[in-house]
Amino acid sequence: MGLRKKNKSPPVLSHEFVIQNHADAVSCLAMGLLMGLMFEVTSKYAIMFITVQYNVTYNIDDGSDPVHFYEYGPKDMATIFFYMLIAIILHAVIQEYILDKINRRLHLSKTKHSKFNESGQLAFFYLFSFVWGASILSAVIFRLNSSIFAKLPIGSMHFQNCTSKRLESLQRLGLILLVPHYLVELIFHASRLFYFSDENKQKGFTLWALLFVMARLLTLTLSVLTFGFGLTKAENPGFSVAEGNFNILTIRISCLAAICLTQAWMMWKFINFQLKKWREHAQNQIPKKKTNTKIKSTKKESCRYNCMYHKYFTI
């Protein structure tokens, strides 16, 4: 009995080596950054990767709790880099401990296996993004409640000025448009996961198609109302990156045109996808009808032959 040959590990820093060990390398790098918090010398540098740096606090004169906001700056690139490492680690954990175990039970083909992994990862991403965006929107709606503004004194307008800056920088509009999109994509990839487990479960695609069209109409309606009518009333003459003021005519028209073109492209792909599915369904139904007509014709021919045979021998 011959000895089994051991599988050779790929060379270091090769493409295959990076694919197999990227999660371990990234986790070691993230642990190194976290260990930097334990030492006084490196803690002031490691904290840049973990927490947001540009904190702005607004104190209100009536003695209530201060309001905390965060601005943006170049140090945020370090924070984005660190949480990108966390996202890669979560991606590997979901793949290894959830999706791979489900794939072993389903025994899918190679094409379905890759599509299942893709939809699984995107479903977790859209679920996390939808929950996070919805929580931010709920906090913003509670913060913008009219009862809060009624308690503020007339002379203290810091909070209102800060919220108007957020409207002029279009952050809230982008968040409102992204949350329905995340929900629609979550339903689509969840429906694909159920379809791969059982091909008879296709009702989720009908719900996705309905919500997809509604989300596109909602996006176009909110964009036209906001850029065409809402922001024109508070237009500022100058463009200022430092103050976060992007409410000028050129940027409004560019953003509205980009949103309309994006929604038109998505609807075009959606219509082509639905037409392709309808054609495939129609082509699958045509051969069945042909086979039924062939069976009927063969039965008629056999009956005629039997009748002729019976008449010939009876005479």
C-alpha atoms as a PDB file:
ATOM      1  CA  MET A   1       0.000   0.000   0.000  1.00  0.00           C
ATOM      2  CA  GLY A   2       1.542   3.289  -1.180  1.00  0.00           C
ATOM      3  CA  LEU A   3       1.850   6.328   0.975  1.00  0.00           C
ATOM      4  CA  ARG A   4      -0.518   9.198   0.290  1.00  0.00           C
ATOM      5  CA  LYS A   5       1.006  12.304  -1.170  1.00  0.00           C
ATOM      6  CA  LYS A   6       0.566  15.352   0.978  1.00  0.00           C
ATOM      7  CA  ASN A   7      -1.038  18.356  -0.677  1.00  0.00           C
ATOM      8  CA  LYS A   8       1.587  20.988  -1.240  1.00  0.00           C
ATOM      9  CA  SER A   9       0.778  24.344   0.283  1.00  0.00           C
ATOM     10  CA  PRO A  10       0.778  27.218  -2.225  1.00  0.00           C
ATOM     11  CA  PRO A  11       3.794  29.536  -2.278  1.00  0.00           C
ATOM     12  CA  VAL A  12       3.746  32.462   0.091  1.00  0.00           C
ATOM     13  CA  LEU A  13       2.157  35.684  -1.241  1.00  0.00           C
ATOM     14  CA  SER A  14       0.722  33.865  -4.244  1.00  0.00           C
ATOM     15  CA  HIS A  15      -2.873  34.425  -5.340  1.00  0.00           C
ATOM     16  CA  GLU A  16      -4.063  31.080  -3.967  1.00  0.00           C
ATOM     17  CA  PHE A  17      -2.220  31.632  -0.673  1.00  0.00           C
ATOM     18  CA  VAL A  18      -3.914  35.016  -0.186  1.00  0.00           C
ATOM     19  CA  ILE A  19      -7.348  33.522  -0.925  1.00  0.00           C
ATOM     20  CA  GLN A  20      -6.880  30.698   1.569  1.00  0.00           C
ATOM     21  CA  ASN A  21      -5.351  32.754   4.402  1.00  0.00           C
ATOM     22  CA  HIS A  22      -6.675  36.300   3.939  1.00  0.00           C
ATOM     23  CA  ALA A  23      -9.031  36.036   6.936  1.00  0.00           C
ATOM     24  CA  ASP A  24      -6.245  34.868   9.268  1.00  0.00           C
ATOM     25  CA  ALA A  25      -3.915  37.639   8.104  1.00  0.00           C
ATOM     26  CA  VAL A  26      -6.576  40.288   8.519  1.00  0.00           C
ATOM     27  CA  SER A  27      -7.558  39.029  11.988  1.00  0.00           C
ATOM     28  CA  CYS A  28      -3.921  39.185  13.101  1.00  0.00           C
ATOM     29  CA  LEU A  29      -3.676  42.767  11.851  1.00  0.00           C
ATOM     30  CA  ALA A  30      -6.884  43.737  13.669  1.00  0.00           C
ATOM     31  CA  MET A  31      -5.647  42.098  16.877  1.00  0.00           C
ATOM     32  CA  GLY A  32      -2.398  44.040  16.583  1.00  0.00           C
ATOM     33  CA  LEU A  33      -4.314  47.308  16.377  1.00  0.00           C
ATOM     34  CA  LEU A  34      -6.415  46.355  19.394  1.00  0.00           C
ATOM     35  CA  MET A  35      -3.337  45.406  21.385  1.00  0.00           C
ATOM     36  CA  GLY A  36      -2.000  48.878  20.722  1.00  0.00           C
ATOM     37  CA  LEU A  37      -4.637  50.198  23.132  1.00  0.00           C
ATOM     38  CA  MET A  38      -2.952  48.349  26.014  1.00  0.00           C
ATOM     39  CA  PHE A  39       0.214  50.472  25.939  1.00  0.00           C
ATOM     40  CA  GLU A  40       0.387  54.179  26.661  1.00  0.00           C
ATOM     41  CA  VAL A  41       2.913  54.861  23.897  1.00  0.00           C
ATOM     42  CA  THR A  42       0.811  53.355  21.106  1.00  0.00           C
ATOM     43  CA  SER A  43      -2.686  53.997  22.469  1.00  0.00           C
ATOM     44  CA  LYS A  44      -2.902  57.528  21.043  1.00  0.00           C
ATOM     45  CA  TYR A  45      -2.214  56.102  17.577  1.00  0.00           C
ATOM     46  CA  ALA A  46      -4.364  52.979  17.920  1.00  0.00           C
ATOM     47  CA  ILE A  47      -7.396  54.961  19.075  1.00  0.00           C
ATOM     48  CA  MET A  48      -7.476  56.660  15.661  1.00  0.00           C
ATOM     49  CA  PHE A  49      -8.375  53.321  14.037  1.00  0.00           C
ATOM     50  CA  ILE A  50     -11.215  52.456  16.422  1.00  0.00           C
ATOM     51  CA  THR A  51     -13.142  55.579  17.398  1.00  0.00           C
ATOM     52  CA  VAL A  52     -14.442  58.581  15.470  1.00  0.00           C
ATOM     53  CA  GLN A  53     -12.145  61.569  15.935  1.00  0.00           C
ATOM     54  CA  TYR A  54     -14.146  64.660  15.015  1.00  0.00           C
ATOM     55  CA  ASN A  55     -16.641  64.979  17.858  1.00  0.00           C
ATOM     56  CA  VAL A  56     -18.642  68.211  18.154  1.00  0.00           C
ATOM     57  CA  THR A  57     -20.727  68.905  21.284  1.00  0.00           C
ATOM     58  CA  TYR A  58     -23.464  71.536  21.396  1.00  0.00           C
ATOM     59  CA  ASN A  59     -24.422  72.793  24.856  1.00  0.00           C
ATOM     60  CA  ILE A  60     -27.931  74.170  25.401  1.00  0.00           C
ATOM     61  CA  ASP A  61     -28.528  77.065  27.771  1.00  0.00           C
ATOM     62  CA  ASP A  62     -31.481  75.563  29.636  1.00  0.00           C
ATOM     63  CA  GLY A  63     -29.286  72.976  31.389  1.00  0.00           C
ATOM     64  CA  SER A  64     -30.464  69.906  29.452  1.00  0.00           C
ATOM     65  CA  ASP A  65     -28.147  67.207  28.125  1.00  0.00           C
ATOM     66  CA  PRO A  66     -25.665  68.316  25.448  1.00  0.00           C
ATOM     67  CA  VAL A  67     -26.112  67.216  21.860  1.00  0.00           C
ATOM     68  CA  HIS A  68     -23.251  65.248  20.266  1.00  0.00           C
ATOM     69  CA  PHE A  69     -22.457  65.202  16.579  1.00  0.00           C
ATOM     70  CA  TYR A  70     -19.518  64.038  14.487  1.00  0.00           C
ATOM     71  CA  GLU A  71     -17.818  65.821  11.629  1.00  0.00           C
ATOM     72  CA  TYR A  72     -15.586  64.252   8.971  1.00  0.00           C
ATOM     73  CA  GLY A  73     -11.888  64.649   8.244  1.00  0.00           C
ATOM     74  CA  PRO A  74      -8.736  62.877   7.004  1.00  0.00           C
ATOM     75  CA  LYS A  75      -8.352  60.816  10.205  1.00  0.00           C
ATOM     76  CA  ASP A  76     -11.561  58.985   9.340  1.00  0.00           C
ATOM     77  CA  MET A  77      -9.617  57.021   6.719  1.00  0.00           C
ATOM     78  CA  ALA A  78      -7.904  55.098   9.540  1.00  0.00           C
ATOM     79  CA  THR A  79     -11.295  54.262  11.082  1.00  0.00           C
ATOM     80  CA  ILE A  80     -12.639  53.130   7.717  1.00  0.00           C
ATOM     81  CA  PHE A  81      -9.581  50.920   7.247  1.00  0.00           C
ATOM     82  CA  PHE A  82     -10.043  49.216  10.627  1.00  0.00           C
ATOM     83  CA  TYR A  83     -13.734  48.501  10.161  1.00  0.00           C
ATOM     84  CA  MET A  84     -13.003  47.234   6.663  1.00  0.00           C
ATOM     85  CA  LEU A  85     -10.805  44.611   8.342  1.00  0.00           C
ATOM     86  CA  ILE A  86     -13.693  43.742  10.684  1.00  0.00           C
ATOM     87  CA  ALA A  87     -15.991  43.347   7.672  1.00  0.00           C
ATOM     88  CA  ILE A  88     -13.541  40.921   6.034  1.00  0.00           C
ATOM     89  CA  ILE A  89     -13.390  38.867   9.241  1.00  0.00           C
ATOM     90  CA  LEU A  90     -17.191  38.745   9.483  1.00  0.00           C
ATOM     91  CA  HIS A  91     -17.349  37.703   5.825  1.00  0.00           C
ATOM     92  CA  ALA A  92     -15.052  34.750   6.511  1.00  0.00           C
ATOM     93  CA  VAL A  93     -16.950  33.760   9.678  1.00  0.00           C
ATOM     94  CA  ILE A  94     -20.318  33.763   7.867  1.00  0.00           C
ATOM     95  CA  GLN A  95     -18.870  31.738   5.005  1.00  0.00           C
ATOM     96  CA  GLU A  96     -17.205  29.097   7.164  1.00  0.00           C
ATOM     97  CA  TYR A  97     -19.655  28.614  10.024  1.00  0.00           C
ATOM     98  CA  ILE A  98     -23.010  29.242   8.299  1.00  0.00           C
ATOM     99  CA  LEU A  99     -22.977  28.978   4.511  1.00  0.00           C
ATOM    100  CA  ASP A 100     -20.539  26.074   4.181  1.00  0.00           C
ATOM    101  CA  LYS A 101     -22.527  23.977   6.676  1.00  0.00           C
ATOM    102  CA  ILE A 102     -25.763  24.635   4.779  1.00  0.00           C
ATOM    103  CA  ASN A 103     -24.078  23.777   1.467  1.00  0.00           C
ATOM    104  CA  ARG A 104     -22.969  20.392   2.790  1.00  0.00           C
ATOM    105  CA  ARG A 105     -26.586  19.498   3.596  1.00  0.00           C
ATOM    106  CA  LEU A 106     -28.077  20.732   0.319  1.00  0.00           C
ATOM    107  CA  HIS A 107     -25.540  19.030  -2.026  1.00  0.00           C
ATOM    108  CA  LEU A 108     -25.765  21.770  -4.673  1.00  0.00           C
ATOM    109  CA  SER A 109     -24.013  21.857  -8.030  1.00  0.00           C
ATOM    110  CA  LYS A 110     -21.019  24.105  -8.650  1.00  0.00           C
ATOM    111  CA  THR A 111     -23.013  26.897 -10.262  1.00  0.00           C
ATOM    112  CA  LYS A 112     -25.719  26.826  -7.606  1.00  0.00           C
ATOM    113  CA  HIS A 113     -23.048  26.564  -4.910  1.00  0.00           C
ATOM    114  CA  SER A 114     -21.391  29.808  -6.041  1.00  0.00           C
ATOM    115  CA  LYS A 115     -24.736  31.587  -6.417  1.00  0.00           C
ATOM    116  CA  PHE A 116     -25.830  30.375  -2.975  1.00  0.00           C
ATOM    117  CA  ASN A 117     -22.653  31.761  -1.390  1.00  0.00           C
ATOM    118  CA  GLU A 118     -23.078  35.058  -3.218  1.00  0.00           C
ATOM    119  CA  SER A 119     -26.699  35.482  -2.144  1.00  0.00           C
ATOM    120  CA  GLY A 120     -25.883  34.373   1.392  1.00  0.00           C
ATOM    121  CA  GLN A 121     -23.173  36.979   1.847  1.00  0.00           C
ATOM    122  CA  LEU A 122     -25.250  39.742   0.254  1.00  0.00           C
ATOM    123  CA  ALA A 123     -28.306  38.809   2.324  1.00  0.00           C
ATOM    124  CA  PHE A 124     -26.322  39.260   5.552  1.00  0.00           C
ATOM    125  CA  PHE A 125     -24.875  42.538   4.246  1.00  0.00           C
ATOM    126  CA  TYR A 126     -28.250  43.991   3.279  1.00  0.00           C
ATOM    127  CA  LEU A 127     -29.830  42.782   6.533  1.00  0.00           C
ATOM    128  CA  PHE A 128     -27.149  44.515   8.604  1.00  0.00           C
ATOM    129  CA  SER A 129     -27.316  47.671   6.462  1.00  0.00           C
ATOM    130  CA  PHE A 130     -31.114  47.821   6.597  1.00  0.00           C
ATOM    131  CA  VAL A 131     -31.244  47.410  10.385  1.00  0.00           C
ATOM    132  CA  TRP A 132     -28.488  49.973  10.899  1.00  0.00           C
ATOM    133  CA  GLY A 133     -30.045  52.498   8.514  1.00  0.00           C
ATOM    134  CA  ALA A 134     -33.504  52.050  10.004  1.00  0.00           C
ATOM    135  CA  SER A 135     -32.126  52.587  13.516  1.00  0.00           C
ATOM    136  CA  ILE A 136     -30.406  55.817  12.407  1.00  0.00           C
ATOM    137  CA  LEU A 137     -33.594  57.043  10.745  1.00  0.00           C
ATOM    138  CA  SER A 138     -35.650  56.295  13.846  1.00  0.00           C
ATOM    139  CA  ALA A 139     -33.141  58.200  15.999  1.00  0.00           C
ATOM    140  CA  VAL A 140     -33.185  61.153  13.606  1.00  0.00           C
ATOM    141  CA  ILE A 141     -36.985  61.241  13.511  1.00  0.00           C
ATOM    142  CA  PHE A 142     -37.114  61.192  17.322  1.00  0.00           C
ATOM    143  CA  ARG A 143     -34.481  63.918  17.480  1.00  0.00           C
ATOM    144  CA  LEU A 144     -36.355  66.106  15.018  1.00  0.00           C
ATOM    145  CA  ASN A 145     -39.614  65.850  16.917  1.00  0.00           C
ATOM    146  CA  SER A 146     -41.329  69.195  17.213  1.00  0.00           C
ATOM    147  CA  SER A 147     -41.709  68.781  20.951  1.00  0.00           C
ATOM    148  CA  ILE A 148     -37.942  68.936  21.340  1.00  0.00           C
ATOM    149  CA  PHE A 149     -37.690  72.192  19.405  1.00  0.00           C
ATOM    150  CA  ALA A 150     -40.536  73.660  21.429  1.00  0.00           C
ATOM    151  CA  LYS A 151     -38.482  73.290  24.622  1.00  0.00           C
ATOM    152  CA  LEU A 152     -35.460  75.106  23.181  1.00  0.00           C
ATOM    153  CA  PRO A 153     -35.073  78.831  23.896  1.00  0.00           C
ATOM    154  CA  ILE A 154     -35.242  81.222  20.962  1.00  0.00           C
ATOM    155  CA  GLY A 155     -31.676  82.405  21.434  1.00  0.00           C
ATOM    156  CA  SER A 156     -30.165  78.916  21.335  1.00  0.00           C
ATOM    157  CA  MET A 157     -30.261  77.885  17.655  1.00  0.00           C
ATOM    158  CA  HIS A 158     -27.162  75.647  17.582  1.00  0.00           C
ATOM    159  CA  PHE A 159     -29.167  72.456  17.244  1.00  0.00           C
ATOM    160  CA  GLN A 160     -31.325  73.763  14.411  1.00  0.00           C
ATOM    161  CA  ASN A 161     -28.304  75.114  12.543  1.00  0.00           C
ATOM    162  CA  CYS A 162     -26.579  71.743  12.862  1.00  0.00           C
ATOM    163  CA  THR A 163     -29.598  69.876  11.496  1.00  0.00           C
ATOM    164  CA  SER A 164     -29.854  72.289   8.556  1.00  0.00           C
ATOM    165  CA  LYS A 165     -26.229  71.513   7.707  1.00  0.00           C
ATOM    166  CA  ARG A 166     -27.086  67.820   7.578  1.00  0.00           C
ATOM    167  CA  LEU A 167     -29.910  68.610   5.151  1.00  0.00           C
ATOM    168  CA  GLU A 168     -27.652  70.742   2.954  1.00  0.00           C
ATOM    169  CA  SER A 169     -24.967  68.024   2.828  1.00  0.00           C
ATOM    170  CA  LEU A 170     -27.629  65.545   1.591  1.00  0.00           C
ATOM    171  CA  GLN A 171     -26.726  62.872   4.153  1.00  0.00           C
ATOM    172  CA  ARG A 172     -30.282  62.246   5.295  1.00  0.00           C
ATOM    173  CA  LEU A 173     -31.658  62.105   1.777  1.00  0.00           C
ATOM    174  CA  GLY A 174     -29.065  59.493   0.857  1.00  0.00           C
ATOM    175  CA  LEU A 175     -29.937  57.459   3.935  1.00  0.00           C
ATOM    176  CA  ILE A 176     -33.681  57.641   3.217  1.00  0.00           C
ATOM    177  CA  LEU A 177     -33.111  56.459  -0.357  1.00  0.00           C
ATOM    178  CA  LEU A 178     -30.771  53.632   0.648  1.00  0.00           C
ATOM    179  CA  VAL A 179     -32.925  52.009   3.330  1.00  0.00           C
ATOM    180  CA  PRO A 180     -35.766  50.924   0.943  1.00  0.00           C
ATOM    181  CA  HIS A 181     -33.161  49.731  -1.554  1.00  0.00           C
ATOM    182  CA  TYR A 182     -31.520  47.584   1.132  1.00  0.00           C
ATOM    183  CA  LEU A 183     -34.909  46.073   2.031  1.00  0.00           C
ATOM    184  CA  VAL A 184     -35.693  45.171  -1.602  1.00  0.00           C
ATOM    185  CA  GLU A 185     -32.278  43.588  -2.167  1.00  0.00           C
ATOM    186  CA  LEU A 186     -32.588  41.667   1.107  1.00  0.00           C
ATOM    187  CA  ILE A 187     -35.885  40.144  -0.046  1.00  0.00           C
ATOM    188  CA  PHE A 188     -34.376  39.236  -3.422  1.00  0.00           C
ATOM    189  CA  HIS A 189     -31.350  37.395  -2.035  1.00  0.00           C
ATOM    190  CA  ALA A 190     -33.433  35.713   0.687  1.00  0.00           C
ATOM    191  CA  SER A 191     -35.782  34.475  -2.054  1.00  0.00           C
ATOM    192  CA  ARG A 192     -32.806  33.106  -3.970  1.00  0.00           C
ATOM    193  CA  LEU A 193     -31.647  31.212  -0.894  1.00  0.00           C
ATOM    194  CA  PHE A 194     -35.080  29.624  -0.452  1.00  0.00           C
ATOM    195  CA  TYR A 195     -35.195  28.842  -4.176  1.00  0.00           C
ATOM    196  CA  PHE A 196     -31.872  26.994  -4.064  1.00  0.00           C
ATOM    197  CA  SER A 197     -33.094  24.922  -1.129  1.00  0.00           C
ATOM    198  CA  ASP A 198     -36.424  24.137  -2.833  1.00  0.00           C
ATOM    199  CA  GLU A 199     -37.188  25.158  -6.434  1.00  0.00           C
ATOM    200  CA  ASN A 200     -40.934  25.265  -5.725  1.00  0.00           C
ATOM    201  CA  LYS A 201     -40.513  28.234  -3.361  1.00  0.00           C
ATOM    202  CA  GLN A 202     -40.829  31.126  -5.846  1.00  0.00           C
ATOM    203  CA  LYS A 203     -43.379  33.367  -4.137  1.00  0.00           C
ATOM    204  CA  GLY A 204     -40.621  35.566  -2.752  1.00  0.00           C
ATOM    205  CA  PHE A 205     -39.657  36.679  -6.265  1.00  0.00           C
ATOM    206  CA  THR A 206     -43.195  37.990  -6.838  1.00  0.00           C
ATOM    207  CA  LEU A 207     -42.977  40.071  -3.669  1.00  0.00           C
ATOM    208  CA  TRP A 208     -39.522  41.285  -4.704  1.00  0.00           C
ATOM    209  CA  ALA A 209     -40.743  42.349  -8.160  1.00  0.00           C
ATOM    210  CA  LEU A 210     -43.586  44.364  -6.632  1.00  0.00           C
ATOM    211  CA  LEU A 211     -41.390  46.069  -4.037  1.00  0.00           C
ATOM    212  CA  PHE A 212     -38.654  46.716  -6.600  1.00  0.00           C
ATOM    213  CA  VAL A 213     -40.960  48.816  -8.779  1.00  0.00           C
ATOM    214  CA  MET A 214     -42.379  50.625  -5.724  1.00  0.00           C
ATOM    215  CA  ALA A 215     -38.868  51.417  -4.443  1.00  0.00           C
ATOM    216  CA  ARG A 216     -37.858  52.880  -7.819  1.00  0.00           C
ATOM    217  CA  LEU A 217     -40.960  55.084  -7.897  1.00  0.00           C
ATOM    218  CA  LEU A 218     -40.374  56.154  -4.284  1.00  0.00           C
ATOM    219  CA  THR A 219     -36.753  57.044  -5.053  1.00  0.00           C
ATOM    220  CA  LEU A 220     -37.672  59.141  -8.089  1.00  0.00           C
ATOM    221  CA  THR A 221     -40.507  60.908  -6.261  1.00  0.00           C
ATOM    222  CA  LEU A 222     -38.428  61.823  -3.202  1.00  0.00           C
ATOM    223  CA  SER A 223     -35.493  62.934  -5.346  1.00  0.00           C
ATOM    224  CA  VAL A 224     -37.599  65.221  -7.546  1.00  0.00           C
ATOM    225  CA  LEU A 225     -39.440  66.718  -4.570  1.00  0.00           C
ATOM    226  CA  THR A 226     -36.228  67.248  -2.575  1.00  0.00           C
ATOM    227  CA  PHE A 227     -33.901  68.565  -5.280  1.00  0.00           C
ATOM    228  CA  GLY A 228     -36.552  70.328  -7.337  1.00  0.00           C
ATOM    229  CA  PHE A 229     -38.688  71.940  -4.663  1.00  0.00           C
ATOM    230  CA  GLY A 230     -37.390  71.410  -1.113  1.00  0.00           C
ATOM    231  CA  LEU A 231     -33.742  72.479  -1.308  1.00  0.00           C
ATOM    232  CA  THR A 232     -34.402  75.412  -3.652  1.00  0.00           C
ATOM    233  CA  LYS A 233     -36.032  77.305  -0.785  1.00  0.00           C
ATOM    234  CA  ALA A 234     -32.820  77.127   1.291  1.00  0.00           C
ATOM    235  CA  GLU A 235     -30.297  77.605  -1.529  1.00  0.00           C
ATOM    236  CA  ASN A 236     -26.940  79.150  -0.637  1.00  0.00           C
ATOM    237  CA  PRO A 237     -24.902  81.204  -3.096  1.00  0.00           C
ATOM    238  CA  GLY A 238     -21.505  79.626  -2.427  1.00  0.00           C
ATOM    239  CA  PHE A 239     -20.068  76.117  -2.348  1.00  0.00           C
ATOM    240  CA  SER A 240     -18.253  75.280   0.909  1.00  0.00           C
ATOM    241  CA  VAL A 241     -16.686  71.885   1.650  1.00  0.00           C
ATOM    242  CA  ALA A 242     -15.542  72.970   5.106  1.00  0.00           C
ATOM    243  CA  GLU A 243     -19.068  73.876   6.200  1.00  0.00           C
ATOM    244  CA  GLY A 244     -20.604  70.873   4.429  1.00  0.00           C
ATOM    245  CA  ASN A 245     -22.813  73.052   2.238  1.00  0.00           C
ATOM    246  CA  PHE A 246     -23.550  71.391  -1.114  1.00  0.00           C
ATOM    247  CA  ASN A 247     -26.917  73.036  -1.714  1.00  0.00           C
ATOM    248  CA  ILE A 248     -26.149  74.819  -4.982  1.00  0.00           C
ATOM    249  CA  LEU A 249     -27.873  74.536  -8.345  1.00  0.00           C
ATOM    250  CA  THR A 250     -25.099  72.623 -10.133  1.00  0.00           C
ATOM    251  CA  ILE A 251     -24.820  69.880  -7.507  1.00  0.00           C
ATOM    252  CA  ARG A 252     -28.606  69.558  -7.190  1.00  0.00           C
ATOM    253  CA  ILE A 253     -29.042  69.068 -10.938  1.00  0.00           C
ATOM    254  CA  SER A 254     -26.082  66.640 -11.100  1.00  0.00           C
ATOM    255  CA  CYS A 255     -27.417  64.557  -8.202  1.00  0.00           C
ATOM    256  CA  LEU A 256     -30.938  64.479  -9.621  1.00  0.00           C
ATOM    257  CA  ALA A 257     -29.677  63.470 -13.066  1.00  0.00           C
ATOM    258  CA  ALA A 258     -27.467  60.730 -11.583  1.00  0.00           C
ATOM    259  CA  ILE A 259     -30.363  59.322  -9.529  1.00  0.00           C
ATOM    260  CA  CYS A 260     -32.768  59.371 -12.498  1.00  0.00           C
ATOM    261  CA  LEU A 261     -30.240  57.665 -14.793  1.00  0.00           C
ATOM    262  CA  THR A 262     -29.462  55.045 -12.146  1.00  0.00           C
ATOM    263  CA  GLN A 263     -33.134  54.249 -11.574  1.00  0.00           C
ATOM    264  CA  ALA A 264     -33.794  54.069 -15.337  1.00  0.00           C
ATOM    265  CA  TRP A 265     -30.856  51.661 -15.765  1.00  0.00           C
ATOM    266  CA  MET A 266     -32.095  49.465 -12.916  1.00  0.00           C
ATOM    267  CA  MET A 267     -35.623  49.385 -14.355  1.00  0.00           C
ATOM    268  CA  TRP A 268     -34.221  48.505 -17.791  1.00  0.00           C
ATOM    269  CA  LYS A 269     -32.323  45.557 -16.335  1.00  0.00           C
ATOM    270  CA  PHE A 270     -35.392  44.503 -14.343  1.00  0.00           C
ATOM    271  CA  ILE A 271     -37.662  44.554 -17.435  1.00  0.00           C
ATOM    272  CA  ASN A 272     -35.126  42.589 -19.495  1.00  0.00           C
ATOM    273  CA  PHE A 273     -34.808  40.043 -16.683  1.00  0.00           C
ATOM    274  CA  GLN A 274     -38.575  39.577 -16.460  1.00  0.00           C
ATOM    275  CA  LEU A 275     -38.928  39.266 -20.259  1.00  0.00           C
ATOM    276  CA  LYS A 276     -36.174  36.654 -20.319  1.00  0.00           C
ATOM    277  CA  LYS A 277     -37.931  34.620 -17.635  1.00  0.00           C
ATOM    278  CA  TRP A 278     -41.259  34.824 -19.473  1.00  0.00           C
ATOM    279  CA  ARG A 279     -39.643  33.661 -22.721  1.00  0.00           C
ATOM    280  CA  GLU A 280     -37.972  30.734 -20.981  1.00  0.00           C
ATOM    281  CA  HIS A 281     -41.284  29.774 -19.382  1.00  0.00           C
ATOM    282  CA  ALA A 282     -43.052  29.977 -22.758  1.00  0.00           C
ATOM    283  CA  GLN A 283     -40.382  27.860 -24.452  1.00  0.00           C
ATOM    284  CA  ASN A 284     -40.700  25.229 -21.758  1.00  0.00           C
ATOM    285  CA  GLN A 285     -44.435  25.016 -22.380  1.00  0.00           C
ATOM    286  CA  ILE A 286     -44.203  24.639 -26.200  1.00  0.00           C
ATOM    287  CA  PRO A 287     -42.510  21.179 -26.348  1.00  0.00           C
ATOM    288  CA  LYS A 288     -45.148  19.729 -24.038  1.00  0.00           C
ATOM    289  CA  LYS A 289     -47.913  20.757 -26.452  1.00  0.00           C
ATOM    290  CA  LYS A 290     -46.014  19.303 -29.416  1.00  0.00           C
ATOM    291  CA  THR A 291     -45.517  15.990 -27.678  1.00  0.00           C
ATOM    292  CA  ASN A 292     -49.218  15.852 -26.827  1.00  0.00           C
ATOM    293  CA  THR A 293     -50.176  16.430 -30.491  1.00  0.00           C
ATOM    294  CA  LYS A 294     -47.713  13.770 -31.598  1.00  0.00           C
ATOM    295  CA  ILE A 295     -49.240  11.258 -29.192  1.00  0.00           C
ATOM    296  CA  LYS A 296     -52.715  12.077 -30.445  1.00  0.00           C
ATOM    297  CA  SER A 297     -51.653  11.677 -34.105  1.00  0.00           C
ATOM    298  CA  THR A 298     -50.011   8.304 -33.416  1.00  0.00           C
ATOM    299  CA  LYS A 299     -53.184   7.127 -31.655  1.00  0.00           C
ATOM    300  CA  LYS A 300     -55.314   8.141 -34.650  1.00  0.00           C
ATOM    301  CA  GLU A 301     -52.985   6.350 -37.089  1.00  0.00           C
ATOM    302  CA  SER A 302     -53.009   3.196 -34.987  1.00  0.00           C
ATOM    303  CA  CYS A 303     -56.824   3.262 -34.864  1.00  0.00           C
ATOM    304  CA  ARG A 304     -57.038   3.643 -38.645  1.00  0.00           C
ATOM    305  CA  TYR A 305     -54.606   0.787 -39.145  1.00  0.00           C
ATOM    306  CA  ASN A 306     -56.572  -1.463 -36.792  1.00  0.00           C
ATOM    307  CA  CYS A 307     -59.826  -0.648 -38.590  1.00  0.00           C
ATOM    308  CA  MET A 308     -58.352  -1.417 -42.010  1.00  0.00           C
ATOM    309  CA  TYR A 309     -56.831  -4.608 -40.688  1.00  0.00           C
ATOM    310  CA  HIS A 310     -60.184  -5.677 -39.189  1.00  0.00           C
ATOM    311  CA  LYS A 311     -62.126  -4.963 -42.426  1.00  0.00           C
ATOM    312  CA  TYR A 312     -59.605  -6.818 -44.597  1.00  0.00           C
ATOM    313  CA  PHE A 313     -59.702 -10.008 -42.576  1.00  0.00           C
ATOM    314  CA  THR A 314     -63.452  -9.926 -41.943  1.00  0.00           C
ATOM    315  CA  ILE A 315     -64.159  -9.783 -45.703  1.00  0.00           C
END
